Amino acid sequence: MAVERLDVPHELADLSVDGVSKTFSAAGRPVRALASVTLKVKRGSFVALIGPSGCGKSTLIRLVAGLEKPDEGVIRLRNEDPRAFRARGELGIAFQDPALLPWRTVRRNVALPFEVLGESQARHATRIDELIKLVGLDGYADALPSQLSGGMRQRVAIARALATNPSMLLLDEPFGALDQILRRTMNQELQRIWMASPTTTLMVTHSIDEAAFLADLVVVMQAAPGRIVGMIPMPFPRPRSPSLFSSPQFHAACDRLAAKLETPEAS
């Protein structure tokens, strides 16, 4: 079965993944995590990656972040190597574990990327305060992570990822550890934050609902080996209200994604 492809002109692509493959060793045997993956992400868009465990979603995120190197193929962020892109603070990353430094306040956790770049917190104090307010934590700037709920800690991680005003934001299951009710609230909050600062975003999620609600484009992957089997645009205008979750159009979109996940594809 042919894979749906959406062409993005090269000059409009913030991310270009061309023929990327990656193999790891597990228990002494090679495991092909990704096989000939090709993807372009349009500037200013929100793209979600969904697929079963082991299909290479997180591996792809790590490759895009420059934390791993592909065995084959090329990844470019605005025609640059991801590591150079990240070294300039142009890449923001948030994972499922917020990984906040427990001895630092919210303000000092958000300030961390500036310190990594060798810049002072004082110089960026206004930006830090604006981000804390943007993620809905005004009044908690001096709180420690232990004084925050799980959702609040994840907001701090997102604020930190946005600190340097990155050109690309990578999110790997940012709400995967939250319960369903809080997760939907955070979906709405992430949409609000993203619309206020529309950074090109690539997000990994296991939730079909989450992908359909947040993304402009949902990329469907399958495993053994990890590969893209579909690219499905979401037709819903923004802002998307909570009522969208119960609409027939939303359910139809989710059904289409589920069917794509369940349909075997030839490698």
Protein backbone atom coordinates (compact mmCIF):
# COMPACT_ATOMS: atom_id res chain seq x y z
CA MET A 1 0.00 0.00 0.00
CA ALA A 2 1.38 3.43 -0.93
CA VAL A 3 2.33 5.80 1.87
CA GLU A 4 0.57 9.16 1.83
CA ARG A 5 3.10 11.95 1.32
CA LEU A 6 2.67 15.69 1.65
CA ASP A 7 5.18 17.71 -0.32
CA VAL A 8 6.77 20.66 1.48
CA PRO A 9 8.94 22.99 -0.62
CA HIS A 10 12.56 22.84 0.55
CA GLU A 11 12.66 26.56 1.37
CA LEU A 12 9.62 26.21 3.67
CA ALA A 13 10.91 23.17 5.58
CA ASP A 14 12.39 23.74 9.05
CA LEU A 15 13.16 20.03 9.30
CA SER A 16 14.23 17.70 6.52
CA VAL A 17 14.74 13.97 7.16
CA ASP A 18 15.97 12.14 4.05
CA GLY A 19 16.28 8.35 3.91
CA VAL A 20 17.27 7.97 7.55
CA SER A 21 17.96 4.52 9.02
CA LYS A 22 19.18 3.55 12.47
CA THR A 23 20.09 0.14 13.92
CA PHE A 24 20.82 -0.65 17.57
CA SER A 25 22.17 -3.75 19.26
CA ALA A 26 19.86 -5.44 21.79
CA ALA A 27 20.89 -8.62 23.60
CA GLY A 28 23.65 -9.05 21.04
CA ARG A 29 21.27 -8.86 18.08
CA PRO A 30 20.75 -5.95 15.67
CA VAL A 31 17.41 -4.15 15.93
CA ARG A 32 16.46 -1.88 13.04
CA ALA A 33 14.80 1.05 14.80
CA LEU A 34 14.26 3.11 11.64
CA ALA A 35 14.32 2.19 7.96
CA SER A 36 14.56 4.80 5.19
CA VAL A 37 12.47 7.44 6.97
CA THR A 38 11.77 10.60 4.96
CA LEU A 39 9.90 13.55 6.42
CA LYS A 40 9.68 17.30 5.93
CA VAL A 41 8.18 19.59 8.56
CA LYS A 42 6.86 22.92 7.34
CA ARG A 43 7.99 26.08 9.08
CA GLY A 44 5.55 27.16 11.79
CA SER A 45 3.62 23.87 11.81
CA PHE A 46 2.80 21.41 14.59
CA VAL A 47 3.48 17.78 13.63
CA ALA A 48 2.67 14.77 15.82
CA LEU A 49 4.27 11.32 15.52
CA ILE A 50 2.12 8.36 16.59
CA GLY A 51 2.71 4.64 16.44
CA PRO A 52 3.15 1.52 18.56
CA SER A 53 5.97 1.12 21.07
CA GLY A 54 9.19 0.23 19.30
CA CYS A 55 8.36 1.95 16.01
CA GLY A 56 11.21 4.45 16.36
CA LYS A 57 9.35 7.63 17.34
CA SER A 58 11.67 8.56 20.19
CA THR A 59 14.69 7.43 18.18
CA LEU A 60 13.68 9.85 15.43
CA ILE A 61 13.32 12.68 17.99
CA ARG A 62 16.80 11.95 19.36
CA LEU A 63 18.25 11.94 15.85
CA VAL A 64 16.58 15.27 15.05
CA ALA A 65 17.96 16.65 18.32
CA GLY A 66 21.47 15.56 17.36
CA LEU A 67 21.70 13.27 20.40
CA GLU A 68 22.27 10.28 18.09
CA LYS A 69 23.65 9.96 14.56
CA PRO A 70 21.81 8.12 11.76
CA ASP A 71 23.50 5.11 10.19
CA GLU A 72 22.18 6.18 6.80
CA GLY A 73 20.53 9.30 5.45
CA VAL A 74 20.68 12.98 6.33
CA ILE A 75 18.86 15.22 8.82
CA ARG A 76 18.93 18.98 8.42
CA LEU A 77 17.37 21.78 10.44
CA ARG A 78 17.12 24.76 8.10
CA ASN A 79 19.88 23.07 6.11
CA GLU A 80 22.17 22.74 9.14
CA ASP A 81 23.44 19.82 11.19
CA PRO A 82 21.19 19.36 14.27
CA ARG A 83 24.15 19.57 16.68
CA ALA A 84 25.16 23.01 15.41
CA PHE A 85 21.53 24.10 15.55
CA ARG A 86 21.20 22.93 19.15
CA ALA A 87 24.50 24.49 20.24
CA ARG A 88 23.16 27.94 19.35
CA GLY A 89 20.01 27.48 21.42
CA GLU A 90 17.84 27.16 18.30
CA LEU A 91 16.41 23.83 19.46
CA GLY A 92 14.09 23.41 22.44
CA ILE A 93 13.51 19.92 23.89
CA ALA A 94 11.08 18.58 26.52
CA PHE A 95 10.73 14.92 27.45
CA GLN A 96 8.17 12.92 29.46
CA ASP A 97 10.32 13.39 32.57
CA PRO A 98 10.53 17.17 33.18
CA ALA A 99 14.08 16.63 34.55
CA LEU A 100 13.96 19.77 36.66
CA LEU A 101 16.89 20.43 39.00
CA PRO A 102 15.30 19.94 42.43
CA TRP A 103 17.43 22.54 44.21
CA ARG A 104 16.56 25.27 41.70
CA THR A 105 13.46 27.44 41.75
CA VAL A 106 11.09 27.62 38.78
CA ARG A 107 12.83 30.81 37.65
CA ARG A 108 16.31 29.25 37.83
CA ASN A 109 15.18 26.07 36.05
CA VAL A 110 13.75 28.13 33.20
CA ALA A 111 16.99 30.13 33.10
CA LEU A 112 19.17 27.03 32.68
CA PRO A 113 19.45 27.14 28.84
CA PHE A 114 20.91 30.65 29.05
CA GLU A 115 23.56 29.44 31.48
CA VAL A 116 24.41 26.54 29.15
CA LEU A 117 24.96 29.13 26.42
CA GLY A 118 27.19 31.15 28.77
CA GLU A 119 24.70 33.97 29.22
CA SER A 120 23.53 35.46 32.52
CA GLN A 121 20.07 35.00 34.01
CA ALA A 122 19.91 38.72 34.80
CA ARG A 123 20.28 39.64 31.14
CA HIS A 124 17.22 37.56 30.27
CA ALA A 125 15.14 38.22 33.38
CA THR A 126 12.26 39.77 31.43
CA ARG A 127 12.12 36.83 29.00
CA ILE A 128 12.14 34.34 31.88
CA ASP A 129 9.32 36.12 33.70
CA GLU A 130 7.29 36.32 30.47
CA LEU A 131 7.66 32.56 29.92
CA ILE A 132 6.65 31.74 33.49
CA LYS A 133 3.52 33.81 32.97
CA LEU A 134 2.93 32.28 29.51
CA VAL A 135 2.80 28.75 30.93
CA GLY A 136 0.39 29.82 33.68
CA LEU A 137 2.81 29.77 36.61
CA ASP A 138 2.76 33.45 37.53
CA GLY A 139 3.28 33.57 41.29
CA TYR A 140 5.33 30.33 41.37
CA ALA A 141 8.65 31.71 40.13
CA ASP A 142 10.35 31.10 43.48
CA ALA A 143 8.80 27.67 44.11
CA LEU A 144 10.90 24.50 44.09
CA PRO A 145 9.89 21.50 41.92
CA SER A 146 8.88 19.55 45.05
CA GLN A 147 6.22 22.22 45.70
CA LEU A 148 4.62 21.77 42.27
CA SER A 149 2.15 19.25 40.84
CA GLY A 150 3.11 16.97 37.95
CA GLY A 151 1.35 19.20 35.43
CA MET A 152 3.04 22.31 36.83
CA ARG A 153 6.47 20.68 36.60
CA GLN A 154 5.79 19.84 32.96
CA ARG A 155 4.85 23.49 32.31
CA VAL A 156 8.22 24.51 33.73
CA ALA A 157 9.92 22.06 31.34
CA ILE A 158 8.04 23.56 28.39
CA ALA A 159 8.95 27.10 29.49
CA ARG A 160 12.59 26.02 29.74
CA ALA A 161 12.41 24.49 26.24
CA LEU A 162 11.11 27.82 24.90
CA ALA A 163 13.59 29.98 26.83
CA THR A 164 16.00 30.74 24.00
CA ASN A 165 13.15 31.38 21.55
CA PRO A 166 14.07 28.27 19.53
CA SER A 167 13.26 27.80 15.87
CA MET A 168 12.28 24.16 16.52
CA LEU A 169 10.58 22.52 19.50
CA LEU A 170 10.84 18.77 20.14
CA LEU A 171 8.39 17.16 22.58
CA ASP A 172 8.73 13.46 23.48
CA GLU A 173 5.58 12.28 25.30
CA PRO A 174 5.47 15.45 27.43
CA PHE A 175 2.18 14.46 29.10
CA GLY A 176 2.58 10.69 29.07
CA ALA A 177 2.85 10.44 32.87
CA LEU A 178 -0.30 12.47 33.55
CA ASP A 179 -3.83 11.15 34.11
CA GLN A 180 -6.38 11.55 31.31
CA ILE A 181 -8.21 14.54 32.82
CA LEU A 182 -5.02 16.51 33.49
CA ARG A 183 -3.64 15.45 30.12
CA ARG A 184 -6.55 17.05 28.26
CA THR A 185 -6.13 20.21 30.30
CA MET A 186 -2.46 20.27 29.38
CA ASN A 187 -3.35 19.71 25.71
CA GLN A 188 -5.42 22.87 25.84
CA GLU A 189 -2.64 24.71 27.67
CA LEU A 190 0.00 23.58 25.17
CA GLN A 191 -2.20 24.79 22.31
CA ARG A 192 -2.54 28.18 24.03
CA ILE A 193 1.22 28.40 24.62
CA TRP A 194 1.99 27.31 21.06
CA MET A 195 -0.42 29.79 19.51
CA ALA A 196 1.18 32.59 21.53
CA SER A 197 4.62 31.49 20.32
CA PRO A 198 4.09 29.38 17.15
CA THR A 199 7.39 27.51 17.03
CA THR A 200 7.78 24.68 14.54
CA THR A 201 7.01 21.63 16.67
CA LEU A 202 7.56 17.87 16.39
CA MET A 203 5.83 15.88 19.15
CA VAL A 204 5.83 12.16 19.96
CA THR A 205 2.67 10.80 21.57
CA HIS A 206 0.91 7.47 22.06
CA SER A 207 -2.45 9.24 22.28
CA ILE A 208 -4.51 9.47 19.09
CA ASP A 209 -6.79 12.09 20.69
CA GLU A 210 -3.81 14.21 21.70
CA ALA A 211 -2.27 14.05 18.25
CA ALA A 212 -5.53 14.94 16.50
CA PHE A 213 -6.27 17.83 18.88
CA LEU A 214 -2.83 19.46 18.78
CA ALA A 215 -1.34 18.76 15.37
CA ASP A 216 -1.66 20.26 11.91
CA LEU A 217 -0.28 16.99 10.54
CA VAL A 218 -0.19 13.53 12.14
CA VAL A 219 2.57 11.20 10.97
CA VAL A 220 1.75 7.52 11.52
CA MET A 221 4.57 5.04 12.09
CA GLN A 222 4.76 1.26 12.30
CA ALA A 223 7.43 -1.02 13.73
CA ALA A 224 9.72 -3.86 12.62
CA PRO A 225 11.32 -1.91 11.11
CA GLY A 226 10.32 1.61 12.17
CA ARG A 227 8.91 3.49 9.18
CA ILE A 228 6.32 6.07 8.18
CA VAL A 229 3.11 4.62 6.76
CA GLY A 230 0.91 7.70 6.56
CA MET A 231 0.75 11.49 6.83
CA ILE A 232 -2.71 12.76 7.67
CA PRO A 233 -3.60 16.47 7.94
CA MET A 234 -5.99 17.58 10.68
CA PRO A 235 -8.65 19.91 9.21
CA PHE A 236 -9.68 21.70 12.41
CA PRO A 237 -9.27 25.50 12.62
CA ARG A 238 -7.53 27.07 15.61
CA PRO A 239 -8.08 27.74 18.38
CA ARG A 240 -9.50 24.29 19.09
CA SER A 241 -11.91 24.24 22.02
CA PRO A 242 -12.50 21.30 24.40
CA SER A 243 -15.84 20.70 22.63
CA LEU A 244 -13.84 19.43 19.64
CA PHE A 245 -13.15 16.19 21.54
CA SER A 246 -16.83 15.25 21.34
CA SER A 247 -17.53 16.33 17.75
CA PRO A 248 -18.31 13.78 15.00
CA GLN A 249 -15.58 15.28 12.80
CA PHE A 250 -12.99 14.75 15.52
CA HIS A 251 -14.08 11.16 16.06
CA ALA A 252 -13.89 10.53 12.32
CA ALA A 253 -10.34 11.88 12.22
CA CYS A 254 -9.34 9.70 15.18
CA ASP A 255 -10.94 6.66 13.52
CA ARG A 256 -8.91 7.31 10.38
CA LEU A 257 -5.70 7.49 12.43
CA ALA A 258 -6.59 4.32 14.32
CA ALA A 259 -7.29 2.49 11.07
CA LYS A 260 -3.92 3.58 9.72
CA LEU A 261 -2.21 2.30 12.85
CA GLU A 262 -3.94 -1.07 12.56
CA THR A 263 -3.39 -1.63 8.82
CA PRO A 264 -0.36 -3.78 8.03
CA GLU A 265 2.02 -2.17 5.56
CA ALA A 266 4.68 -3.65 3.39
CA SER A 267 8.18 -2.55 4.41
